Amino acid sequence: MSVISTIEQLEAIYGFPNDASTVKVADHVTPLYRVLIEKSPFVSLATSGPEGLDCSPRGDLPGFVRIHDSKTLMMPDRRGNNRCDSLRNIVRDPRVGLLFLIPGSGSTLRVNGRAYVSAEPELLASFKMEGKAPRTVIVMNVDEIYFQCARAIVRSDLWNPDKQVDSKALPTPGQILAEMSEHTVGGETYDREWPERARQTMW
């Protein structure tokens, strides 16, 4: 196995980025990048902590990541499983990365920076949905922001409805939980009750 272990070896294989790969990088939210953030209902949040790396999906109504100003983004931490993996990481290592997806668009948007977790009551209240505020808000300072070209989306054919996987071909959460817990958690009851439980606890 030939292991690449130096930057020089990488550069010998890939060369150097062209102008289009570098000129697109900004240290703040530009007017055009603002549009992409405001249209996105989904983002992956990457964090790092003593235990390692983590990448968490975040979804909400389009524009749920608020542009406070050109250097600051804010994202509510909506209800979930209370593992708090991302939050645990951020309070110990502020470095974060975001990858925004926009349904139907080949372009994605990458943002890197540093964040902290806020429980400021007025800030939480400003993110209320159906009368329910998040318990915390992730506040991110933008270090760099840039769009990613569409090749990954095109290759994956991600938005093609004809390529959607039939859910019946996939294991259900209840099945996975049952297998992992020797049938002490999960199962058919979990799968049957989840839609209503999710509906009642969405916000």
Protein backbone atom coordinates (compact mmCIF):
# COMPACT_ATOMS: atom_id res chain seq x y z
CA MET A 1 0.00 0.00 0.00
CA SER A 2 1.34 3.40 -1.00
CA VAL A 3 0.54 5.85 1.81
CA ILE A 4 0.69 9.57 1.11
CA SER A 5 2.26 11.16 4.17
CA THR A 6 3.49 14.59 3.09
CA ILE A 7 2.00 17.69 1.51
CA GLU A 8 4.67 17.49 -1.19
CA GLN A 9 3.45 14.03 -2.20
CA LEU A 10 -0.11 15.30 -2.43
CA GLU A 11 0.92 18.26 -4.54
CA ALA A 12 2.87 15.98 -6.88
CA ILE A 13 -0.36 14.08 -7.56
CA TYR A 14 -2.95 16.88 -7.57
CA GLY A 15 -0.96 19.98 -8.47
CA PHE A 16 -2.35 23.27 -7.21
CA PRO A 17 -5.87 24.76 -7.12
CA ASN A 18 -6.93 27.10 -9.92
CA ASP A 19 -8.18 30.65 -9.46
CA ALA A 20 -11.82 29.57 -9.31
CA SER A 21 -11.00 27.38 -6.32
CA THR A 22 -9.41 30.17 -4.33
CA VAL A 23 -11.04 33.46 -5.33
CA LYS A 24 -14.42 32.22 -4.04
CA VAL A 25 -13.21 32.13 -0.42
CA ALA A 26 -14.35 35.01 1.82
CA ASP A 27 -13.89 35.73 5.52
CA HIS A 28 -17.46 36.96 5.92
CA VAL A 29 -20.95 36.32 4.57
CA THR A 30 -21.14 38.08 1.22
CA PRO A 31 -24.50 39.13 -0.31
CA LEU A 32 -24.58 36.12 -2.63
CA TYR A 33 -23.55 33.66 0.07
CA ARG A 34 -26.33 35.14 2.21
CA VAL A 35 -28.86 33.95 -0.38
CA LEU A 36 -27.56 30.37 -0.19
CA ILE A 37 -27.79 30.32 3.62
CA GLU A 38 -31.28 31.80 3.61
CA LYS A 39 -32.54 29.19 1.13
CA SER A 40 -31.07 26.18 2.95
CA PRO A 41 -33.21 23.96 5.22
CA PHE A 42 -30.37 21.54 6.03
CA VAL A 43 -26.80 21.74 7.27
CA SER A 44 -24.23 19.28 8.55
CA LEU A 45 -22.37 20.49 11.64
CA ALA A 46 -18.82 19.21 12.13
CA THR A 47 -17.16 19.52 15.53
CA SER A 48 -14.08 18.22 17.31
CA GLY A 49 -13.51 17.17 20.89
CA PRO A 50 -11.19 15.07 23.05
CA GLU A 51 -13.01 11.90 22.00
CA GLY A 52 -12.60 12.67 18.29
CA LEU A 53 -14.63 14.17 15.45
CA ASP A 54 -18.37 14.35 15.02
CA CYS A 55 -20.74 15.36 12.22
CA SER A 56 -24.37 16.06 13.05
CA PRO A 57 -27.34 16.73 10.72
CA ARG A 58 -29.39 19.87 11.42
CA GLY A 59 -32.62 20.69 9.65
CA ASP A 60 -35.37 23.25 10.01
CA LEU A 61 -37.30 25.75 7.90
CA PRO A 62 -35.21 27.45 5.19
CA GLY A 63 -33.06 30.18 6.71
CA PHE A 64 -33.04 28.57 10.15
CA VAL A 65 -29.36 29.45 10.39
CA ARG A 66 -29.68 33.16 11.15
CA ILE A 67 -27.23 35.68 9.73
CA HIS A 68 -26.78 38.04 12.67
CA ASP A 69 -24.17 40.05 10.79
CA SER A 70 -21.59 39.38 8.08
CA LYS A 71 -19.28 37.61 10.56
CA THR A 72 -21.81 35.88 12.80
CA LEU A 73 -24.20 32.97 12.27
CA MET A 74 -26.69 31.65 14.83
CA MET A 75 -28.33 28.22 14.83
CA PRO A 76 -30.95 26.98 17.31
CA ASP A 77 -30.39 23.60 18.91
CA ARG A 78 -33.81 22.03 18.43
CA ARG A 79 -35.13 19.03 20.33
CA GLY A 80 -33.36 15.73 19.77
CA ASN A 81 -31.97 12.76 21.63
CA ASN A 82 -30.10 14.79 24.29
CA ARG A 83 -26.75 13.19 23.44
CA CYS A 84 -25.41 16.74 22.93
CA ASP A 85 -22.35 15.43 21.07
CA SER A 86 -21.88 18.66 19.10
CA LEU A 87 -22.47 20.91 22.12
CA ARG A 88 -20.10 18.88 24.30
CA ASN A 89 -17.43 19.31 21.64
CA ILE A 90 -17.98 23.04 21.13
CA VAL A 91 -17.65 23.91 24.83
CA ARG A 92 -14.24 22.21 24.80
CA ASP A 93 -13.05 23.01 21.27
CA PRO A 94 -14.73 25.95 19.47
CA ARG A 95 -13.70 24.93 15.94
CA VAL A 96 -16.71 24.08 13.77
CA GLY A 97 -17.56 23.50 10.13
CA LEU A 98 -20.90 23.76 8.32
CA LEU A 99 -22.00 22.23 5.03
CA PHE A 100 -25.28 23.66 3.70
CA LEU A 101 -27.47 21.76 1.23
CA ILE A 102 -30.22 23.36 -0.86
CA PRO A 103 -32.85 21.01 -2.34
CA GLY A 104 -32.60 20.94 -6.10
CA SER A 105 -29.29 22.83 -6.24
CA GLY A 106 -25.95 21.34 -7.14
CA SER A 107 -24.05 23.96 -5.19
CA THR A 108 -23.27 23.46 -1.53
CA LEU A 109 -21.87 26.02 0.88
CA ARG A 110 -19.02 25.45 3.31
CA VAL A 111 -18.37 27.60 6.38
CA ASN A 112 -15.53 27.21 8.86
CA GLY A 113 -15.09 29.14 12.07
CA ARG A 114 -15.36 29.11 15.83
CA ALA A 115 -18.49 28.84 17.94
CA TYR A 116 -19.86 29.00 21.44
CA VAL A 117 -23.10 27.81 23.01
CA SER A 118 -25.47 30.48 24.36
CA ALA A 119 -28.42 30.13 26.74
CA GLU A 120 -29.27 33.84 26.73
CA PRO A 121 -33.06 33.98 27.40
CA GLU A 122 -33.80 36.75 24.90
CA LEU A 123 -31.82 34.99 22.18
CA LEU A 124 -33.59 31.69 22.84
CA ALA A 125 -36.97 33.42 22.72
CA SER A 126 -36.16 34.92 19.32
CA PHE A 127 -35.94 31.40 17.88
CA LYS A 128 -39.32 30.18 19.15
CA MET A 129 -41.31 27.84 16.93
CA GLU A 130 -44.90 27.06 17.81
CA GLY A 131 -44.29 28.82 21.11
CA LYS A 132 -41.31 26.64 22.00
CA ALA A 133 -37.79 28.03 22.34
CA PRO A 134 -34.63 25.97 21.88
CA ARG A 135 -32.63 25.26 25.02
CA THR A 136 -29.47 26.70 23.47
CA VAL A 137 -28.24 28.52 20.38
CA ILE A 138 -24.93 27.89 18.63
CA VAL A 139 -23.25 31.21 17.79
CA MET A 140 -20.55 30.96 15.13
CA ASN A 141 -17.89 33.44 14.06
CA VAL A 142 -17.14 33.01 10.37
CA ASP A 143 -13.46 32.52 9.46
CA GLU A 144 -13.99 31.37 5.89
CA ILE A 145 -16.95 30.72 3.63
CA TYR A 146 -17.13 29.41 0.07
CA PHE A 147 -19.33 27.43 -2.28
CA GLN A 148 -18.46 23.91 -3.38
CA CYS A 149 -18.93 22.98 -7.04
CA ALA A 150 -21.74 20.63 -8.03
CA ARG A 151 -19.72 17.53 -8.95
CA ALA A 152 -20.59 15.57 -5.79
CA ILE A 153 -24.31 16.29 -6.17
CA VAL A 154 -24.22 15.50 -9.89
CA ARG A 155 -22.30 12.25 -9.39
CA SER A 156 -24.63 11.12 -6.61
CA ASP A 157 -27.76 12.24 -8.51
CA LEU A 158 -28.95 13.26 -5.07
CA TRP A 159 -32.08 15.20 -6.04
CA ASN A 160 -33.37 12.75 -8.66
CA PRO A 161 -36.72 11.45 -7.33
CA ASP A 162 -36.31 8.30 -9.45
CA LYS A 163 -33.23 7.43 -7.40
CA GLN A 164 -34.92 7.57 -4.01
CA VAL A 165 -34.35 4.39 -2.03
CA ASP A 166 -37.48 2.46 -1.04
CA SER A 167 -37.69 2.66 2.75
CA LYS A 168 -38.73 -0.99 2.82
CA ALA A 169 -35.23 -1.89 1.61
CA LEU A 170 -33.65 -0.26 4.68
CA PRO A 171 -33.52 -1.37 8.30
CA THR A 172 -35.82 0.69 10.52
CA PRO A 173 -34.60 2.55 13.62
CA GLY A 174 -36.61 0.11 15.73
CA GLN A 175 -34.88 -2.86 14.12
CA ILE A 176 -31.44 -1.33 14.65
CA LEU A 177 -32.18 -0.52 18.29
CA ALA A 178 -33.54 -4.02 18.91
CA GLU A 179 -30.47 -5.66 17.40
CA MET A 180 -28.05 -3.43 19.31
CA SER A 181 -29.85 -3.88 22.65
CA GLU A 182 -30.67 -7.58 22.42
CA HIS A 183 -34.32 -6.56 22.03
CA THR A 184 -34.55 -4.56 25.26
CA VAL A 185 -35.07 -1.30 23.31
CA GLY A 186 -36.75 -0.53 20.01
CA GLY A 187 -38.65 -3.03 17.91
CA GLU A 188 -41.97 -2.69 16.11
CA THR A 189 -43.50 -0.65 18.93
CA TYR A 190 -40.75 1.97 18.61
CA ASP A 191 -41.27 2.29 14.86
CA ARG A 192 -45.05 2.45 15.18
CA GLU A 193 -45.01 5.15 17.87
CA TRP A 194 -42.19 7.29 16.50
CA PRO A 195 -44.12 9.41 13.94
CA GLU A 196 -46.58 10.67 16.54
CA ARG A 197 -43.85 11.13 19.16
CA ALA A 198 -41.81 13.14 16.65
CA ARG A 199 -44.82 15.24 15.71
CA GLN A 200 -45.40 16.19 19.35
CA THR A 201 -41.75 16.96 20.06
CA MET A 202 -40.62 18.56 16.77
CA TRP A 203 -39.83 21.93 18.37
